[in-house]
N, C-alpha and C. Protein backbone atom coordinates (compact mmCIF):
# COMPACT_ATOMS: atom_id res chain seq x y z
N MET A 1 0.89 -1.25 0.02
CA MET A 1 -0.06 -0.04 -0.04
C MET A 1 0.84 1.21 0.00
N VAL A 2 0.55 2.17 -0.84
CA VAL A 2 1.33 3.41 -0.98
C VAL A 2 0.64 4.58 -0.31
N CYS A 3 1.30 5.32 0.65
CA CYS A 3 0.73 6.45 1.27
C CYS A 3 0.51 7.51 0.30
N GLU A 4 -0.54 8.18 0.27
CA GLU A 4 -0.86 9.26 -0.67
C GLU A 4 0.06 10.30 -0.55
N GLU A 5 0.60 10.64 0.64
CA GLU A 5 1.60 11.66 0.92
C GLU A 5 2.88 11.45 -0.02
N SER A 6 3.13 10.21 -0.37
CA SER A 6 4.35 9.85 -1.01
C SER A 6 4.38 10.49 -2.50
N TRP A 7 3.11 10.85 -2.95
CA TRP A 7 2.97 11.40 -4.30
C TRP A 7 3.04 12.89 -4.38
N PHE A 8 3.32 13.46 -3.28
CA PHE A 8 3.51 14.96 -3.32
C PHE A 8 4.78 15.41 -3.70
N PRO A 9 5.03 16.51 -4.32
CA PRO A 9 6.35 16.93 -4.68
C PRO A 9 7.31 16.86 -3.41
N ARG A 10 8.51 16.36 -3.66
CA ARG A 10 9.41 16.26 -2.55
C ARG A 10 10.39 17.52 -2.62
N ILE A 11 10.59 18.14 -1.55
CA ILE A 11 11.53 19.32 -1.66
C ILE A 11 12.72 19.03 -0.66
N ASP A 12 13.90 18.92 -1.19
CA ASP A 12 15.04 18.71 -0.38
C ASP A 12 15.53 20.05 0.26
N ARG A 13 15.32 20.18 1.53
CA ARG A 13 15.64 21.44 2.20
C ARG A 13 17.13 21.75 2.25
N HIS A 14 17.99 20.71 2.11
CA HIS A 14 19.44 20.93 2.02
C HIS A 14 19.81 21.57 0.75
N LEU A 15 19.04 21.22 -0.34
CA LEU A 15 19.40 21.69 -1.52
C LEU A 15 18.74 23.07 -1.97
N CYS A 16 17.62 23.28 -1.34
CA CYS A 16 16.84 24.52 -1.62
C CYS A 16 17.58 25.65 -1.22
N THR A 17 17.69 26.69 -2.03
CA THR A 17 18.35 27.94 -1.81
C THR A 17 17.43 29.05 -1.25
N GLY A 18 16.13 28.75 -1.35
CA GLY A 18 15.09 29.70 -0.94
C GLY A 18 14.98 30.85 -2.01
N CYS A 19 15.27 30.55 -3.20
CA CYS A 19 15.17 31.66 -4.33
C CYS A 19 13.68 32.04 -4.56
N GLY A 20 12.69 31.15 -4.25
CA GLY A 20 11.37 31.52 -4.53
C GLY A 20 10.91 31.23 -5.92
N ASP A 21 11.71 30.82 -6.91
CA ASP A 21 11.25 30.56 -8.29
C ASP A 21 10.04 29.68 -8.38
N CYS A 22 10.08 28.58 -7.51
CA CYS A 22 9.04 27.56 -7.54
C CYS A 22 7.71 28.21 -7.08
N ILE A 23 7.85 28.95 -6.06
CA ILE A 23 6.68 29.67 -5.47
C ILE A 23 6.04 30.52 -6.44
N THR A 24 6.83 31.29 -7.27
CA THR A 24 6.30 32.26 -8.30
C THR A 24 5.64 31.49 -9.36
N ARG A 25 6.20 30.37 -9.69
CA ARG A 25 5.79 29.58 -10.86
C ARG A 25 4.63 28.70 -10.55
N CYS A 26 4.33 28.43 -9.33
CA CYS A 26 3.19 27.50 -8.97
C CYS A 26 1.89 28.07 -9.26
N PRO A 27 1.07 27.45 -10.23
CA PRO A 27 -0.15 28.03 -10.62
C PRO A 27 -1.26 28.00 -9.60
N THR A 28 -1.10 27.26 -8.65
CA THR A 28 -2.19 26.98 -7.51
C THR A 28 -1.78 27.63 -6.26
N GLU A 29 -0.58 28.22 -6.16
CA GLU A 29 -0.12 28.86 -4.88
C GLU A 29 -0.03 27.89 -3.80
N ALA A 30 0.36 26.47 -4.06
CA ALA A 30 0.40 25.53 -3.10
C ALA A 30 1.81 25.59 -2.27
N LEU A 31 2.76 26.32 -2.84
CA LEU A 31 4.02 26.46 -2.15
C LEU A 31 4.22 27.71 -1.42
N ARG A 32 4.99 27.70 -0.36
CA ARG A 32 5.23 28.87 0.37
C ARG A 32 6.78 28.79 0.97
N LEU A 33 7.33 29.94 1.26
CA LEU A 33 8.68 29.93 1.92
C LEU A 33 8.35 29.74 3.44
N VAL A 34 9.02 28.73 4.01
CA VAL A 34 8.96 28.45 5.40
C VAL A 34 10.37 28.32 5.98
N ALA A 35 10.67 29.31 6.89
CA ALA A 35 11.99 29.38 7.47
C ALA A 35 13.08 29.52 6.31
N GLY A 36 12.70 30.32 5.26
CA GLY A 36 13.60 30.67 4.17
C GLY A 36 13.78 29.55 3.18
N LYS A 37 13.00 28.43 3.24
CA LYS A 37 13.07 27.43 2.31
C LYS A 37 11.64 27.07 1.73
N ALA A 38 11.68 26.58 0.48
CA ALA A 38 10.41 26.22 -0.19
C ALA A 38 9.71 24.98 0.61
N ALA A 39 8.38 25.09 0.70
CA ALA A 39 7.61 24.03 1.36
C ALA A 39 6.26 23.89 0.65
N LEU A 40 5.82 22.70 0.70
CA LEU A 40 4.46 22.47 0.16
C LEU A 40 3.42 22.81 1.31
N ALA A 41 3.05 23.96 1.40
CA ALA A 41 2.21 24.44 2.40
C ALA A 41 0.80 24.02 2.23
N TYR A 42 0.31 23.90 1.11
CA TYR A 42 -1.10 23.55 0.78
C TYR A 42 -1.12 22.36 -0.07
N PRO A 43 -0.80 21.11 0.33
CA PRO A 43 -0.85 20.04 -0.57
C PRO A 43 -2.12 19.76 -1.37
N GLU A 44 -3.21 20.24 -0.70
CA GLU A 44 -4.59 19.96 -1.33
C GLU A 44 -4.80 20.74 -2.62
N LEU A 45 -3.90 21.82 -2.79
CA LEU A 45 -3.98 22.69 -3.91
C LEU A 45 -3.09 22.25 -5.09
N CYS A 46 -2.15 21.27 -4.81
CA CYS A 46 -1.24 20.85 -5.73
C CYS A 46 -1.85 20.02 -6.74
N THR A 47 -1.67 20.33 -8.05
CA THR A 47 -2.22 19.58 -9.24
C THR A 47 -1.31 18.73 -9.88
N TYR A 48 -0.06 18.67 -9.26
CA TYR A 48 1.05 17.83 -9.89
C TYR A 48 1.54 18.21 -11.19
N CYS A 49 1.47 19.54 -11.57
CA CYS A 49 1.79 20.03 -12.84
C CYS A 49 3.31 20.01 -13.17
N ALA A 50 4.13 19.91 -12.20
CA ALA A 50 5.62 19.76 -12.37
C ALA A 50 6.35 21.19 -12.59
N ALA A 51 5.61 22.22 -12.63
CA ALA A 51 6.20 23.52 -12.93
C ALA A 51 7.26 23.78 -11.83
N CYS A 52 7.10 23.50 -10.66
CA CYS A 52 8.04 23.73 -9.61
C CYS A 52 9.34 22.95 -9.83
N GLU A 53 9.12 21.72 -10.25
CA GLU A 53 10.33 20.85 -10.51
C GLU A 53 11.18 21.36 -11.72
N GLU A 54 10.46 21.79 -12.72
CA GLU A 54 11.07 22.32 -13.95
C GLU A 54 11.90 23.64 -13.73
N VAL A 55 11.40 24.51 -12.72
CA VAL A 55 11.95 25.86 -12.63
C VAL A 55 13.00 25.85 -11.54
N CYS A 56 13.13 24.88 -10.71
CA CYS A 56 14.08 24.86 -9.53
C CYS A 56 15.58 24.83 -10.01
N PRO A 57 16.26 25.98 -9.88
CA PRO A 57 17.66 25.94 -10.32
C PRO A 57 18.61 25.04 -9.59
N ALA A 58 18.21 24.78 -8.33
CA ALA A 58 19.06 23.90 -7.29
C ALA A 58 18.75 22.45 -7.51
N GLY A 59 17.67 22.10 -8.31
CA GLY A 59 17.32 20.70 -8.46
C GLY A 59 16.78 20.09 -7.12
N ALA A 60 16.20 20.99 -6.32
CA ALA A 60 15.76 20.52 -4.97
C ALA A 60 14.41 19.91 -4.92
N ILE A 61 13.65 19.99 -6.07
CA ILE A 61 12.22 19.47 -6.05
C ILE A 61 12.18 18.25 -6.98
N GLU A 62 11.49 17.26 -6.59
CA GLU A 62 11.23 16.00 -7.39
C GLU A 62 9.91 15.63 -7.19
N LEU A 63 9.29 15.22 -8.33
CA LEU A 63 8.00 14.64 -8.28
C LEU A 63 8.03 13.26 -8.70
N PRO A 64 7.68 12.43 -7.68
CA PRO A 64 7.73 10.92 -8.03
C PRO A 64 6.56 10.56 -8.92
N TYR A 65 6.88 9.67 -9.80
CA TYR A 65 5.90 9.12 -10.81
C TYR A 65 5.72 7.64 -10.67
N LEU A 66 4.55 7.19 -10.77
CA LEU A 66 4.23 5.75 -10.89
C LEU A 66 4.04 5.29 -12.35
N ILE A 67 4.87 4.36 -12.66
CA ILE A 67 4.74 3.88 -13.98
C ILE A 67 3.95 2.53 -14.02
N VAL A 68 2.86 2.49 -14.77
CA VAL A 68 2.00 1.26 -14.79
C VAL A 68 1.96 0.58 -16.07
N LYS A 69 2.44 -0.61 -16.11
CA LYS A 69 2.40 -1.36 -17.46
C LYS A 69 0.96 -1.93 -17.70
N VAL A 70 0.44 -1.71 -18.90
CA VAL A 70 -0.94 -2.19 -19.19
C VAL A 70 -0.65 -3.32 -20.15
N PRO A 71 -1.18 -4.53 -19.94
CA PRO A 71 -1.02 -5.53 -20.91
C PRO A 71 -1.88 -5.25 -22.15
N HIS A 72 -1.20 -5.67 -23.38
CA HIS A 72 -2.01 -5.47 -24.67
C HIS A 72 -3.10 -6.50 -24.77
N SER A 73 -4.17 -5.98 -25.36
CA SER A 73 -5.22 -6.94 -25.53
C SER A 73 -5.15 -7.78 -26.71
């Protein structure tokens, strides 16, 4: 069983520089700066669009993906 929270964007606080690019880019305003670092403050607003991951210059954000193989009919 997979915990639903494991599918939220993961932000590595050690890599995050607090530049705010991801926060500016987030279309749903799910991210905020907390203690000078990016954080997913409103996970219920996250649409998993990957904009934050794409814009992060430090590579501190990762969105896990599940790959499902579908058998051919």
